[in-house]
Amino acid sequence: MGQVISRLANQSSDYRIAAGYDITDSINNTYPVFTDLKECNVKVDVIIDFSNPDNLERLLEYAASTGTPLVMATTGLSQKQVKLLETASTQIPVFFSANMSLGINLLIDLVKKAAKILEENYDIEIVEKHHNQKLDAPSGTALAIADSINSVLQQKFEYTYDRHSRRKKRNRNEIGIHAVRGGTIVGDHSVIFAGIDEIIEINHTAMSKDIFGNGALRAARFIHRKNPGLYNMSNLIDEE
């Protein structure tokens, strides 16, 4: 994703990559790349992070100490790490979204509306598919979809991640979440509402990583000069 964002920024007159952070420094770039954030002496307007949850604490420390807004696009964060983001947002602007695609965020809005109407008579299942190199499962986006559905239901549903070890019928008040890993699938999320004699399915398929890069760059432009706080894609969409 770092290379994707670099390419997209180079193709636009609105953005310039000032510096990079990579613990391996294995890629040749036209901008300086630091293997240690403490050594970064380049002033930047916004940090975009598409890396690994293990980097979060040192990244937040750097962002807070320099007063730099942060776009957090890394997935697989624990609840404790999300709390760290919330704490950091009292000092700096933090943009956090489980998925930087505008299309996925539209899907989330649609499934919330569908869940309100279909809650009584439809079973809800979420299937996500990603490439075979993805570390976390289920995806952060699948969990965000499930959370958004749960937020509008009259009764909170439980999440079921695995059925092969459960020798019993499906619980009515549950959302099934299933992960598929294979090949070079960029990202595919389907929300299935299964009722009696009919199925309603809402699907989003990412054809390239550019949609995530473009979303992150738009988030960077949005959060630049914002007051400290926690922002998300809904805030960006509302402002645009």
Protein backbone atom coordinates (compact mmCIF):
# COMPACT_ATOMS: atom_id res chain seq x y z
CA MET A 1 0.00 0.00 0.00
CA GLY A 2 2.93 2.34 0.54
CA GLN A 3 3.89 1.97 -3.09
CA VAL A 4 0.28 2.37 -4.21
CA ILE A 5 -0.09 5.63 -2.27
CA SER A 6 3.28 6.89 -3.56
CA ARG A 7 2.20 6.24 -7.15
CA LEU A 8 -1.21 7.87 -6.71
CA ALA A 9 0.33 10.90 -5.00
CA ASN A 10 2.83 11.30 -7.85
CA GLN A 11 -0.05 11.29 -10.32
CA SER A 12 -1.78 14.15 -8.51
CA SER A 13 -0.81 17.77 -7.96
CA ASP A 14 -2.63 17.80 -4.61
CA TYR A 15 -0.28 15.50 -2.70
CA ARG A 16 3.43 14.97 -2.14
CA ILE A 17 5.03 12.16 -0.17
CA ALA A 18 7.60 13.87 2.07
CA ALA A 19 9.05 10.84 3.83
CA GLY A 20 8.48 7.17 4.54
CA TYR A 21 8.87 4.79 7.47
CA ASP A 22 9.85 1.17 6.79
CA ILE A 23 11.76 -1.03 9.22
CA THR A 24 13.41 -2.83 6.29
CA ASP A 25 14.10 0.16 3.99
CA SER A 26 14.21 -2.29 1.11
CA ILE A 27 12.50 -0.12 -1.51
CA ASN A 28 14.12 2.62 -3.55
CA ASN A 29 12.03 5.80 -3.36
CA THR A 30 12.37 9.40 -4.46
CA TYR A 31 11.84 10.49 -0.84
CA PRO A 32 13.78 9.60 2.33
CA VAL A 33 12.73 6.41 4.13
CA PHE A 34 13.54 6.02 7.80
CA THR A 35 13.89 2.72 9.62
CA ASP A 36 13.52 4.48 12.99
CA LEU A 37 10.79 7.06 13.53
CA LYS A 38 12.95 8.87 16.08
CA GLU A 39 15.39 9.68 13.29
CA CYS A 40 12.74 11.25 11.04
CA ASN A 41 13.63 14.94 10.70
CA VAL A 42 11.20 15.74 7.88
CA LYS A 43 8.18 17.92 8.63
CA VAL A 44 4.98 16.36 7.32
CA ASP A 45 1.35 17.51 7.33
CA VAL A 46 -0.32 14.10 7.78
CA ILE A 47 0.78 10.52 8.48
CA ILE A 48 -0.87 7.68 6.55
CA ASP A 49 -0.33 4.26 8.11
CA PHE A 50 -0.90 1.02 6.17
CA SER A 51 1.44 -1.27 8.07
CA ASN A 52 1.08 -3.63 11.02
CA PRO A 53 -0.65 -3.34 14.40
CA ASP A 54 2.71 -3.93 16.10
CA ASN A 55 3.80 -0.45 14.96
CA LEU A 56 0.87 1.38 16.54
CA GLU A 57 2.34 2.50 19.87
CA ARG A 58 5.57 3.93 18.46
CA LEU A 59 3.60 5.61 15.68
CA LEU A 60 1.16 7.23 18.12
CA GLU A 61 4.08 8.39 20.26
CA TYR A 62 5.68 10.07 17.24
CA ALA A 63 2.41 11.61 16.01
CA ALA A 64 1.54 13.00 19.43
CA SER A 65 5.04 14.38 20.08
CA THR A 66 5.09 16.17 16.71
CA GLY A 67 1.40 17.16 16.68
CA THR A 68 0.90 15.41 13.33
CA PRO A 69 -2.59 14.26 12.23
CA LEU A 70 -2.85 10.52 11.62
CA VAL A 71 -4.80 8.47 9.07
CA MET A 72 -4.92 4.95 10.53
CA ALA A 73 -5.67 2.48 7.74
CA THR A 74 -4.02 -0.58 9.31
CA THR A 75 -6.44 -3.41 10.06
CA GLY A 76 -6.40 -6.10 12.73
CA LEU A 77 -6.17 -3.72 15.70
CA SER A 78 -7.15 -5.12 19.09
CA GLN A 79 -9.74 -3.42 21.28
CA LYS A 80 -6.90 -2.20 23.48
CA GLN A 81 -5.22 -0.60 20.46
CA VAL A 82 -8.46 1.06 19.40
CA LYS A 83 -8.61 2.56 22.90
CA LEU A 84 -5.07 3.90 22.36
CA LEU A 85 -6.28 5.59 19.17
CA GLU A 86 -9.17 7.14 21.06
CA THR A 87 -6.81 8.44 23.72
CA ALA A 88 -4.43 9.87 21.10
CA SER A 89 -7.35 11.65 19.42
CA THR A 90 -7.63 13.94 22.45
CA GLN A 91 -4.26 15.38 21.41
CA ILE A 92 -4.22 15.09 17.63
CA PRO A 93 -6.72 14.54 14.80
CA VAL A 94 -7.05 10.80 14.13
CA PHE A 95 -8.89 9.38 11.10
CA PHE A 96 -9.73 5.71 11.67
CA SER A 97 -11.65 3.44 9.35
CA ALA A 98 -11.66 -0.35 9.02
CA ASN A 99 -11.76 0.16 5.26
CA MET A 100 -10.70 3.20 3.22
CA SER A 101 -13.00 2.41 0.28
CA LEU A 102 -15.93 4.76 -0.20
CA GLY A 103 -17.84 1.84 -1.75
CA ILE A 104 -17.48 -0.29 1.38
CA ASN A 105 -18.73 2.55 3.52
CA LEU A 106 -21.74 2.88 1.22
CA LEU A 107 -22.32 -0.88 1.65
CA ILE A 108 -22.27 -0.42 5.43
CA ASP A 109 -24.91 2.28 5.15
CA LEU A 110 -27.08 0.06 2.95
CA VAL A 111 -26.86 -3.03 5.17
CA LYS A 112 -27.80 -0.98 8.23
CA LYS A 113 -30.97 0.12 6.48
CA ALA A 114 -31.69 -3.44 5.32
CA ALA A 115 -31.09 -4.90 8.79
CA LYS A 116 -33.66 -2.58 10.34
CA ILE A 117 -36.31 -3.84 7.94
CA LEU A 118 -35.33 -7.52 7.78
CA GLU A 119 -34.33 -8.19 11.39
CA GLU A 120 -37.43 -10.18 12.34
CA ASN A 121 -37.48 -12.79 9.57
CA TYR A 122 -34.00 -13.07 8.02
CA ASP A 123 -30.76 -14.76 9.04
CA ILE A 124 -27.67 -12.63 8.53
CA GLU A 125 -24.34 -14.00 7.28
CA ILE A 126 -21.16 -12.15 6.25
CA VAL A 127 -18.58 -13.71 3.91
CA GLU A 128 -15.25 -11.98 3.29
CA LYS A 129 -12.56 -13.07 0.83
CA HIS A 130 -8.95 -11.88 0.68
CA HIS A 131 -5.55 -12.86 -0.73
CA ASN A 132 -3.54 -15.65 0.85
CA GLN A 133 -1.04 -13.25 2.44
CA LYS A 134 -3.54 -11.50 4.70
CA LEU A 135 -2.74 -12.10 8.36
CA ASP A 136 -5.96 -11.26 10.23
CA ALA A 137 -9.21 -13.19 9.93
CA PRO A 138 -11.96 -12.26 9.83
CA SER A 139 -11.13 -8.94 8.22
CA GLY A 140 -11.53 -5.70 10.10
CA THR A 141 -14.06 -4.68 7.48
CA ALA A 142 -16.21 -7.78 8.11
CA LEU A 143 -16.22 -6.99 11.82
CA ALA A 144 -17.07 -3.36 11.10
CA ILE A 145 -20.01 -4.49 8.95
CA ALA A 146 -21.22 -6.79 11.72
CA ASP A 147 -20.87 -4.03 14.31
CA SER A 148 -22.82 -1.60 12.12
CA ILE A 149 -25.63 -4.13 11.71
CA ASN A 150 -25.71 -4.82 15.44
CA SER A 151 -25.92 -1.10 16.15
CA VAL A 152 -29.38 -0.86 14.57
CA LEU A 153 -30.92 -4.14 15.76
CA GLN A 154 -33.48 -4.11 18.55
CA GLN A 155 -31.74 -7.09 20.14
CA LYS A 156 -27.96 -7.48 19.96
CA PHE A 157 -26.82 -10.53 17.99
CA GLU A 158 -23.78 -12.67 18.83
CA TYR A 159 -21.03 -13.38 16.29
CA THR A 160 -20.31 -16.94 15.17
CA TYR A 161 -16.96 -17.49 13.42
CA ASP A 162 -16.83 -21.26 13.06
CA ARG A 163 -19.56 -23.86 12.67
CA HIS A 164 -17.73 -27.14 12.01
CA SER A 165 -17.26 -27.82 15.73
CA ARG A 166 -20.82 -26.88 16.67
CA ARG A 167 -23.25 -29.76 16.32
CA LYS A 168 -26.43 -27.77 16.70
CA LYS A 169 -28.87 -25.68 14.72
CA ARG A 170 -28.14 -22.08 13.91
CA ASN A 171 -29.06 -19.66 16.68
CA ARG A 172 -31.67 -17.16 15.53
CA ASN A 173 -29.88 -14.25 17.19
CA GLU A 174 -26.48 -14.57 15.59
CA ILE A 175 -24.47 -13.17 12.71
CA GLY A 176 -22.22 -15.68 10.96
CA ILE A 177 -18.85 -14.30 9.85
CA HIS A 178 -16.75 -16.38 7.46
CA ALA A 179 -13.23 -15.82 6.08
CA VAL A 180 -11.85 -17.11 2.76
CA ARG A 181 -8.14 -16.78 1.92
CA GLY A 182 -6.75 -17.53 -1.52
CA GLY A 183 -4.77 -16.31 -4.48
CA THR A 184 -4.57 -12.58 -5.07
CA ILE A 185 -8.12 -11.61 -4.10
CA VAL A 186 -7.92 -7.90 -3.24
CA GLY A 187 -11.06 -7.89 -1.14
CA ASP A 188 -14.63 -9.12 -1.42
CA HIS A 189 -17.38 -8.67 1.18
CA SER A 190 -20.89 -10.08 0.95
CA VAL A 191 -23.73 -9.60 3.40
CA ILE A 192 -26.46 -12.23 3.04
CA PHE A 193 -29.98 -11.81 4.38
CA ALA A 194 -31.51 -15.29 4.09
CA GLY A 195 -35.27 -15.48 4.57
CA ILE A 196 -38.01 -17.94 3.70
CA ASP A 197 -37.94 -18.60 -0.05
CA GLU A 198 -35.69 -15.61 -0.84
CA ILE A 199 -32.16 -14.32 -0.38
CA ILE A 200 -31.04 -10.70 -0.44
CA GLU A 201 -27.31 -10.19 -0.91
CA ILE A 202 -25.35 -6.94 -0.83
CA ASN A 203 -21.81 -7.25 -2.17
CA HIS A 204 -18.69 -5.15 -2.67
CA THR A 205 -15.68 -6.32 -4.68
CA ALA A 206 -12.38 -4.43 -4.75
CA MET A 207 -10.72 -4.78 -8.14
CA SER A 208 -7.44 -3.13 -7.12
CA LYS A 209 -5.74 -1.60 -4.11
CA ASP A 210 -6.06 1.85 -5.68
CA ILE A 211 -9.48 2.33 -4.11
CA PHE A 212 -7.91 2.07 -0.64
CA GLY A 213 -5.05 4.38 -1.58
CA ASN A 214 -7.37 7.02 -3.02
CA GLY A 215 -9.56 6.81 0.07
CA ALA A 216 -6.55 7.27 2.36
CA LEU A 217 -5.36 10.30 0.41
CA ARG A 218 -8.82 11.85 0.59
CA ALA A 219 -8.81 11.16 4.32
CA ALA A 220 -5.42 12.89 4.63
CA ARG A 221 -6.73 15.97 2.84
CA PHE A 222 -9.86 15.92 5.02
CA ILE A 223 -8.04 15.64 8.35
CA HIS A 224 -5.36 18.23 7.57
CA ARG A 225 -5.86 21.27 9.86
CA LYS A 226 -8.72 19.58 11.74
CA ASN A 227 -9.00 19.94 15.51
CA PRO A 228 -8.04 16.97 17.71
CA GLY A 229 -10.69 14.27 17.61
CA LEU A 230 -11.58 10.87 16.20
CA TYR A 231 -12.88 11.01 12.62
CA ASN A 232 -14.11 8.34 10.19
CA MET A 233 -15.33 7.89 6.65
CA SER A 234 -18.83 9.07 7.54
CA ASN A 235 -17.39 12.45 8.56
CA LEU A 236 -15.51 12.69 5.27
CA ILE A 237 -18.58 11.78 3.19
CA ASP A 238 -20.77 14.25 5.08
CA GLU A 239 -18.30 17.08 4.47
CA GLU A 240 -17.92 16.30 0.77
